[in-house]
Amino acid sequence: MRILHICLSNFYIDDVSYQENMLVKEHVQAGHEVKILASTEVFDKDKKLTYVKPSTYTCAEGAEITRIDYLNILPRKLMAKLRIHSGVYDFIKSFDPEVIMFHSMCGWELLTVCKYIKNNPNVRVYFDSHEDFNNSARNFGSKYLLHYLYYRPIAKIASKYARKILCISLETMDFLSDFYGIDRDRLEFYPLGGVIKSEQAYLDSRQKVRESLQVTDEQIVFIQSGKFTARKKLMESLTAFTKVRDDNFVFLIAGILDTPLENEALKLIRSDSRIRFLGWQSPDDVDGLLDAADVYLQPGTQSVTMQASLCARCAVIIDDVKSHKPYLKNNGWYANNADSIVEVLTSISEQKCSISSMSEESFKIAKSLLDYKQLALRVLN
């Protein structure tokens, strides 16, 4: 089957394990002919957004990716917001896909895909959406000028052509329904996923990484990962951890510290020998660290790594927000400030809960909701 992933309203980043990468990987491994049409927007070595030259190459997931530039009719900064590219229709026509998955509901090229579907009604098209009020429309100009007056009418038109609009969270469904005015029956919950390993593969990875970290079987490993801005609440996690003095606790921090909080964070990290700052890790390394961990912390803004932690059988400490409701069922705690995290850590230290039982519950949730093999199959129907 010929499958086209269009990443012109978001981005396709090489050498990461984002949703786009994982779905492409699963489609390639299943034997389909897969192409990616992407913007020139990428991350640089410091994980900051930048732009590369248009090109075509084979990505790490095994698919051909073509990066195209914005149409050169207005200043580049404005075109990056309008997301108008050149040659999109002709590219789609030349590939003749049987399935199109368009990532993100914001941008002009949704209309190009609608035009193609109008002329080729047998093609299956799905749009996915990551937008919610946590990451989009966060100031007056963005909310009313960009989203309401520009993205919203385009998305409403496009919604009529999609088999379904796949929403990564419950808050995304609310955003599209309440703010964009898209009918609820056009929306479907389609969470960010993870890789489900066999029991033996998981145990082998867990043992290998814990041995490399010199962590014993008796120790409880906590992990928090990502690009740590203030909204990730790493400082709250560190403050809480230093207050609960349990020698069997180990806290791994994998990621990049945002400059405004770097000095203060490093001061807390250096004050406690149980805390290990590992810096930025590759996707494979993060995968191994999650296998080694017992509890994943995400008291702040959402990250796909939380779903991956469930696949790695971690109990979780997460913020009490609507989008987390599907992921917490007897497998962790809600906490979003230092005091509430202290309460959770104290409960674990005093053995008032079973981490092993929570691990089993996390894996049940992962198998039922988050397996990328099953998520990849969904868009082929």
Protein backbone atom coordinates (compact mmCIF):
# COMPACT_ATOMS: atom_id res chain seq x y z
CA MET A 1 0.00 0.00 0.00
CA ARG A 2 1.25 3.51 -0.83
CA ILE A 3 1.13 5.72 2.27
CA LEU A 4 1.95 9.42 2.35
CA HIS A 5 2.69 11.23 5.61
CA ILE A 6 2.44 15.01 5.21
CA CYS A 7 4.30 17.03 7.84
CA LEU A 8 3.89 20.58 6.57
CA SER A 9 1.83 21.92 9.46
CA ASN A 10 4.16 20.57 12.11
CA PHE A 11 7.63 19.16 11.44
CA TYR A 12 9.43 15.89 10.84
CA ILE A 13 12.53 15.66 13.03
CA ASP A 14 15.23 13.13 12.22
CA ASP A 15 16.61 10.78 14.88
CA VAL A 16 13.81 11.13 17.42
CA SER A 17 10.90 8.91 18.45
CA TYR A 18 8.01 11.30 17.92
CA GLN A 19 4.64 10.05 16.73
CA GLU A 20 5.39 10.81 13.09
CA ASN A 21 8.64 8.85 13.18
CA MET A 22 7.12 5.85 14.89
CA LEU A 23 4.10 5.59 12.59
CA VAL A 24 6.37 5.86 9.53
CA LYS A 25 8.65 3.19 11.01
CA GLU A 26 5.74 0.81 11.60
CA HIS A 27 4.36 1.35 8.09
CA VAL A 28 7.78 0.71 6.53
CA GLN A 29 8.36 -2.41 8.63
CA ALA A 30 4.94 -3.72 7.57
CA GLY A 31 6.13 -3.63 3.95
CA HIS A 32 4.25 -0.59 2.66
CA GLU A 33 5.66 1.99 0.25
CA VAL A 34 5.95 5.09 2.41
CA LYS A 35 6.88 8.66 1.57
CA ILE A 36 7.05 11.77 3.74
CA LEU A 37 6.42 15.31 2.53
CA ALA A 38 7.84 17.64 5.15
CA SER A 39 8.73 21.24 5.82
CA THR A 40 12.33 22.40 6.16
CA GLU A 41 11.76 23.04 9.87
CA VAL A 42 13.98 20.87 12.11
CA PHE A 43 15.87 20.90 15.42
CA ASP A 44 19.51 21.91 15.59
CA LYS A 45 22.10 20.27 17.87
CA ASP A 46 20.81 22.34 20.80
CA LYS A 47 17.25 21.15 20.14
CA LYS A 48 16.17 24.59 18.93
CA LEU A 49 14.02 25.06 15.83
CA THR A 50 15.91 25.95 12.68
CA TYR A 51 15.59 25.45 8.91
CA VAL A 52 17.46 23.28 6.41
CA LYS A 53 17.65 23.40 2.63
CA PRO A 54 15.02 21.55 0.55
CA SER A 55 16.16 18.01 -0.20
CA THR A 56 15.15 14.39 -0.71
CA TYR A 57 16.77 11.53 1.21
CA THR A 58 16.01 8.30 3.05
CA CYS A 59 15.30 8.87 6.73
CA ALA A 60 16.29 6.57 9.58
CA GLU A 61 12.84 4.99 9.55
CA GLY A 62 13.44 3.74 6.01
CA ALA A 63 11.09 6.02 4.07
CA GLU A 64 11.90 8.60 1.42
CA ILE A 65 11.46 12.11 2.79
CA THR A 66 11.14 15.21 0.64
CA ARG A 67 11.57 18.56 2.36
CA ILE A 68 10.04 21.53 0.54
CA ASP A 69 10.30 25.25 1.23
CA TYR A 70 7.60 27.83 1.80
CA LEU A 71 6.15 29.63 -1.20
CA ASN A 72 8.21 32.78 -1.70
CA ILE A 73 5.48 35.42 -1.88
CA LEU A 74 5.65 37.00 1.60
CA PRO A 75 8.33 37.34 4.29
CA ARG A 76 9.53 33.92 5.44
CA LYS A 77 8.52 34.52 9.05
CA LEU A 78 4.91 35.09 7.97
CA MET A 79 4.91 32.16 5.54
CA ALA A 80 6.07 29.90 8.38
CA LYS A 81 2.84 30.82 10.20
CA LEU A 82 0.57 30.59 7.14
CA ARG A 83 2.30 27.33 6.12
CA ILE A 84 1.93 27.74 2.39
CA HIS A 85 4.33 25.58 0.38
CA SER A 86 5.05 25.15 -3.31
CA GLY A 87 4.41 22.03 -5.39
CA VAL A 88 2.33 20.09 -2.88
CA TYR A 89 -0.47 19.02 -5.23
CA ASP A 90 1.95 17.85 -7.90
CA PHE A 91 3.94 15.85 -5.35
CA ILE A 92 0.83 14.06 -4.11
CA LYS A 93 -0.32 13.39 -7.67
CA SER A 94 3.04 11.93 -8.70
CA PHE A 95 3.11 9.50 -5.75
CA ASP A 96 -0.56 8.53 -6.16
CA PRO A 97 -1.05 7.46 -2.51
CA GLU A 98 -3.76 5.14 -1.32
CA VAL A 99 -3.63 6.60 2.21
CA ILE A 100 -2.73 10.13 3.30
CA MET A 101 -2.04 11.05 6.91
CA PHE A 102 -1.76 14.80 7.35
CA HIS A 103 -0.17 15.73 10.67
CA SER A 104 -1.68 18.78 12.46
CA MET A 105 -4.84 20.73 11.65
CA CYS A 106 -3.15 24.12 11.19
CA GLY A 107 -2.13 25.37 7.78
CA TRP A 108 -2.97 26.14 4.17
CA GLU A 109 -1.97 22.80 2.69
CA LEU A 110 -4.95 21.11 4.29
CA LEU A 111 -6.91 22.73 1.47
CA THR A 112 -4.51 21.29 -1.11
CA VAL A 113 -5.14 17.81 0.26
CA CYS A 114 -8.90 18.46 0.18
CA LYS A 115 -8.61 19.45 -3.49
CA TYR A 116 -6.74 16.22 -4.20
CA ILE A 117 -9.32 14.12 -2.35
CA LYS A 118 -12.11 15.85 -4.25
CA ASN A 119 -10.46 14.71 -7.48
CA ASN A 120 -9.50 11.29 -6.07
CA PRO A 121 -12.34 10.28 -3.73
CA ASN A 122 -11.10 6.71 -3.20
CA VAL A 123 -8.01 7.88 -1.32
CA ARG A 124 -8.30 7.46 2.44
CA VAL A 125 -7.28 10.61 4.29
CA TYR A 126 -6.82 11.15 8.00
CA PHE A 127 -5.83 14.35 9.74
CA ASP A 128 -4.28 14.27 13.17
CA SER A 129 -4.19 17.07 15.70
CA HIS A 130 -1.89 17.87 18.61
CA GLU A 131 -3.36 21.32 19.30
CA ASP A 132 -4.83 22.34 22.64
CA PHE A 133 -4.79 25.43 24.83
CA ASN A 134 -1.62 24.22 26.56
CA ASN A 135 0.47 24.52 23.40
CA SER A 136 -1.56 26.67 20.98
CA ALA A 137 -3.46 29.98 20.88
CA ARG A 138 -1.78 31.13 24.09
CA ASN A 139 -1.88 34.88 23.44
CA PHE A 140 -4.35 37.28 21.81
CA GLY A 141 -2.65 37.43 18.42
CA SER A 142 -2.17 33.69 18.18
CA LYS A 143 -5.65 32.86 19.45
CA TYR A 144 -7.77 35.27 17.45
CA LEU A 145 -5.72 36.37 14.43
CA LEU A 146 -3.91 33.17 13.58
CA HIS A 147 -6.07 30.37 14.94
CA TYR A 148 -9.59 31.79 14.89
CA LEU A 149 -9.46 33.79 11.66
CA TYR A 150 -7.02 31.64 9.67
CA TYR A 151 -6.47 28.07 10.89
CA ARG A 152 -10.04 27.57 12.12
CA PRO A 153 -11.94 28.07 8.82
CA ILE A 154 -9.39 25.94 6.96
CA ALA A 155 -9.72 23.15 9.53
CA LYS A 156 -13.53 23.25 9.36
CA ILE A 157 -13.43 22.81 5.58
CA ALA A 158 -10.84 20.05 5.83
CA SER A 159 -12.81 18.15 8.46
CA LYS A 160 -15.48 17.33 5.88
CA TYR A 161 -12.97 15.42 3.73
CA ALA A 162 -11.30 13.30 6.41
CA ARG A 163 -12.41 9.84 7.37
CA LYS A 164 -11.58 10.89 10.92
CA ILE A 165 -9.61 13.58 12.71
CA LEU A 166 -7.30 11.76 15.08
CA CYS A 167 -6.75 13.68 18.34
CA ILE A 168 -3.83 12.89 20.59
CA SER A 169 -5.62 13.91 23.79
CA LEU A 170 -9.02 14.65 25.29
CA GLU A 171 -8.02 18.32 25.52
CA THR A 172 -7.25 18.30 21.80
CA MET A 173 -10.77 17.03 21.15
CA ASP A 174 -12.15 19.89 23.24
CA PHE A 175 -9.98 22.42 21.38
CA LEU A 176 -11.17 21.30 17.94
CA SER A 177 -14.80 20.99 19.00
CA ASP A 178 -15.22 24.04 21.23
CA PHE A 179 -12.78 26.50 19.62
CA TYR A 180 -12.58 25.38 15.99
CA GLY A 181 -16.24 24.35 15.86
CA ILE A 182 -15.62 20.92 14.32
CA ASP A 183 -18.36 18.34 14.88
CA ARG A 184 -17.53 15.91 17.70
CA ASP A 185 -18.49 12.92 15.58
CA ARG A 186 -15.60 13.75 13.24
CA LEU A 187 -13.10 13.36 16.10
CA GLU A 188 -11.44 10.24 17.47
CA PHE A 189 -9.08 9.74 20.41
CA TYR A 190 -5.73 8.64 18.99
CA PRO A 191 -3.07 8.84 21.70
CA LEU A 192 0.65 9.21 21.33
CA GLY A 193 1.99 5.71 21.68
CA GLY A 194 5.02 3.61 22.43
CA VAL A 195 6.74 0.33 21.67
CA ILE A 196 5.46 -2.78 23.43
CA LYS A 197 8.40 -5.07 24.16
CA SER A 198 8.20 -8.75 24.98
CA GLU A 199 8.66 -9.59 28.65
CA GLN A 200 12.12 -11.03 28.01
CA ALA A 201 13.28 -8.06 25.93
CA TYR A 202 12.09 -5.70 28.66
CA LEU A 203 13.80 -7.67 31.44
CA ASP A 204 17.05 -7.93 29.49
CA SER A 205 17.07 -4.19 28.82
CA ARG A 206 16.17 -3.38 32.42
CA GLN A 207 18.97 -5.53 33.82
CA LYS A 208 21.57 -4.22 31.36
CA VAL A 209 20.84 -0.55 32.00
CA ARG A 210 20.50 -0.90 35.78
CA GLU A 211 23.85 -2.68 35.88
CA SER A 212 25.44 0.10 33.82
CA LEU A 213 24.01 2.63 36.27
CA GLN A 214 25.17 0.51 39.22
CA VAL A 215 21.65 0.36 40.59
CA THR A 216 20.68 -2.59 42.77
CA ASP A 217 17.44 -4.55 42.58
CA GLU A 218 16.35 -3.04 45.90
CA GLN A 219 16.68 0.55 44.77
CA ILE A 220 13.73 2.48 43.36
CA VAL A 221 14.60 4.49 40.27
CA PHE A 222 12.68 7.66 39.41
CA ILE A 223 13.14 9.41 36.07
CA GLN A 224 12.13 12.73 34.53
CA SER A 225 13.07 13.65 30.97
CA GLY A 226 12.72 16.32 28.30
CA LYS A 227 13.66 19.90 27.62
CA PHE A 228 13.24 21.39 31.07
CA THR A 229 11.52 24.74 30.95
CA ALA A 230 9.83 26.05 34.09
CA ARG A 231 6.54 24.55 32.88
CA LYS A 232 8.01 21.03 33.12
CA LYS A 233 8.30 21.57 36.91
CA LEU A 234 11.67 19.88 37.31
CA MET A 235 12.46 22.28 40.16
CA GLU A 236 9.40 21.06 42.03
CA SER A 237 10.51 17.44 41.54
CA LEU A 238 14.06 18.20 42.71
CA THR A 239 12.87 20.14 45.74
CA ALA A 240 10.56 17.31 46.77
CA PHE A 241 13.15 14.61 46.19
CA THR A 242 15.77 16.30 48.37
CA LYS A 243 13.25 16.44 51.22
CA VAL A 244 12.56 12.69 51.29
CA ARG A 245 15.73 11.08 52.59
CA ASP A 246 15.55 7.46 51.44
CA ASP A 247 18.88 5.87 50.49
CA ASN A 248 17.10 3.40 48.21
CA PHE A 249 15.87 6.23 45.97
CA VAL A 250 17.68 7.19 42.76
CA PHE A 251 16.53 10.11 40.58
CA LEU A 252 17.63 10.16 36.93
CA ILE A 253 17.29 13.39 34.94
CA ALA A 254 17.64 13.04 31.17
CA GLY A 255 17.39 16.15 29.03
CA ILE A 256 18.40 19.77 28.60
CA LEU A 257 18.09 22.42 31.30
CA ASP A 258 16.57 25.69 30.12
CA THR A 259 18.95 28.58 30.80
CA PRO A 260 16.72 30.51 33.27
CA LEU A 261 16.59 27.56 35.69
CA GLU A 262 19.94 25.88 34.93
CA ASN A 263 21.99 27.27 37.83
CA GLU A 264 19.32 26.66 40.44
CA ALA A 265 18.61 23.15 39.13
CA LEU A 266 22.29 22.19 39.09
CA LYS A 267 22.67 23.46 42.65
CA LEU A 268 19.94 21.08 43.84
CA ILE A 269 21.28 18.22 41.74
CA ARG A 270 24.78 18.60 43.21
CA SER A 271 23.40 18.80 46.74
CA ASP A 272 22.10 15.21 46.65
CA SER A 273 24.25 12.25 45.57
CA ARG A 274 21.12 10.22 44.76
CA ILE A 275 20.32 12.56 41.86
CA ARG A 276 22.05 11.92 38.53
CA PHE A 277 21.91 14.45 35.71
CA LEU A 278 22.51 12.53 32.48
CA GLY A 279 22.10 15.33 29.95
CA TRP A 280 20.45 14.89 26.58
CA GLN A 281 19.95 11.23 25.61
CA SER A 282 19.24 9.58 22.28
CA PRO A 283 15.78 8.00 21.79
CA ASP A 284 17.28 4.52 22.23
CA ASP A 285 19.02 5.60 25.43
CA VAL A 286 15.81 7.11 26.82
CA ASP A 287 14.05 3.87 25.96
CA GLY A 288 16.60 1.91 28.00
CA LEU A 289 16.43 4.34 30.91
CA LEU A 290 12.65 3.96 31.05
CA ASP A 291 13.05 0.17 31.18
CA ALA A 292 15.46 0.61 34.08
CA ALA A 293 13.18 3.00 35.95
CA ASP A 294 10.37 2.22 38.36
CA VAL A 295 8.54 5.57 38.48
CA TYR A 296 8.22 8.26 35.81
CA LEU A 297 7.67 11.87 36.90
CA GLN A 298 5.74 14.39 34.82
CA PRO A 299 4.25 16.94 37.21
CA GLY A 300 4.25 19.68 34.57
CA THR A 301 3.41 20.00 30.89
CA GLN A 302 2.71 16.91 28.84
CA SER A 303 5.29 14.86 26.96
CA VAL A 304 5.12 11.77 24.76
CA THR A 305 7.71 10.18 27.06
CA MET A 306 4.97 9.61 29.62
CA GLN A 307 3.21 7.22 27.26
CA ALA A 308 6.53 5.52 26.54
CA SER A 309 7.04 5.11 30.28
CA LEU A 310 3.76 3.20 30.53
CA CYS A 311 4.98 0.89 27.78
CA ALA A 312 8.13 0.43 29.90
CA ARG A 313 5.94 -0.60 32.82
CA CYS A 314 6.67 2.46 34.99
CA ALA A 315 4.34 3.72 37.66
CA VAL A 316 3.68 7.42 37.03
CA ILE A 317 3.45 10.71 38.92
CA ILE A 318 1.57 13.10 36.63
CA ASP A 319 -0.35 16.36 36.67
CA ASP A 320 -4.08 16.22 37.35
CA VAL A 321 -5.32 17.38 33.93
CA LYS A 322 -8.05 16.02 31.70
CA SER A 323 -5.67 14.61 29.09
CA HIS A 324 -4.03 12.37 31.70
CA LYS A 325 -7.28 10.68 32.76
CA PRO A 326 -6.94 7.71 30.36
CA TYR A 327 -3.47 6.93 31.71
CA LEU A 328 -3.98 6.74 35.47
CA LYS A 329 -5.86 3.70 36.76
CA ASN A 330 -4.29 2.16 39.87
CA ASN A 331 -0.83 2.77 38.43
CA GLY A 332 0.34 6.02 40.01
CA TRP A 333 -0.53 9.39 41.46
CA TYR A 334 -1.58 12.89 40.54
CA ALA A 335 0.86 15.55 41.75
CA ASN A 336 1.81 18.95 40.37
CA ASN A 337 3.74 20.78 43.09
CA ALA A 338 6.57 20.06 45.52
CA ASP A 339 4.27 19.35 48.48
CA SER A 340 2.14 16.81 46.64
CA ILE A 341 5.25 15.12 45.21
CA VAL A 342 6.69 14.88 48.75
CA GLU A 343 3.50 13.10 49.84
CA VAL A 344 3.86 10.57 47.03
CA LEU A 345 7.57 9.96 47.67
CA THR A 346 6.92 9.54 51.38
CA SER A 347 4.20 6.99 50.65
CA ILE A 348 6.59 5.03 48.44
CA SER A 349 9.38 5.25 51.04
CA GLU A 350 7.09 3.97 53.78
CA GLN A 351 5.99 1.10 51.50
CA LYS A 352 2.34 2.10 51.62
CA CYS A 353 1.93 1.13 47.98
CA SER A 354 3.09 -1.63 45.63
CA ILE A 355 5.26 -0.35 42.79
CA SER A 356 5.27 -3.82 41.20
CA SER A 357 1.45 -3.91 41.09
CA MET A 358 1.37 -0.42 39.61
CA SER A 359 3.90 -1.54 37.01
CA GLU A 360 1.55 -4.29 35.91
CA GLU A 361 -1.36 -1.84 35.68
CA SER A 362 0.70 0.58 33.57
CA PHE A 363 1.51 -2.18 31.13
CA LYS A 364 -2.16 -3.12 30.83
CA ILE A 365 -2.97 0.47 29.86
CA ALA A 366 -0.09 0.51 27.39
CA LYS A 367 -1.17 -2.69 25.66
CA SER A 368 -4.77 -1.53 25.34
CA LEU A 369 -4.11 2.06 24.16
CA LEU A 370 -0.54 2.77 23.16
CA ASP A 371 0.91 0.06 20.93
CA TYR A 372 2.27 1.83 17.83
CA LYS A 373 1.75 -1.32 15.75
CA GLN A 374 -1.98 -1.08 16.38
CA LEU A 375 -2.06 2.71 16.03
CA ALA A 376 -0.32 2.42 12.65
CA LEU A 377 -2.92 -0.10 11.47
CA ARG A 378 -5.76 2.28 12.37
CA VAL A 379 -5.04 4.68 9.49
CA LEU A 380 -5.07 1.86 6.95
CA ASN A 381 -8.78 1.18 7.51
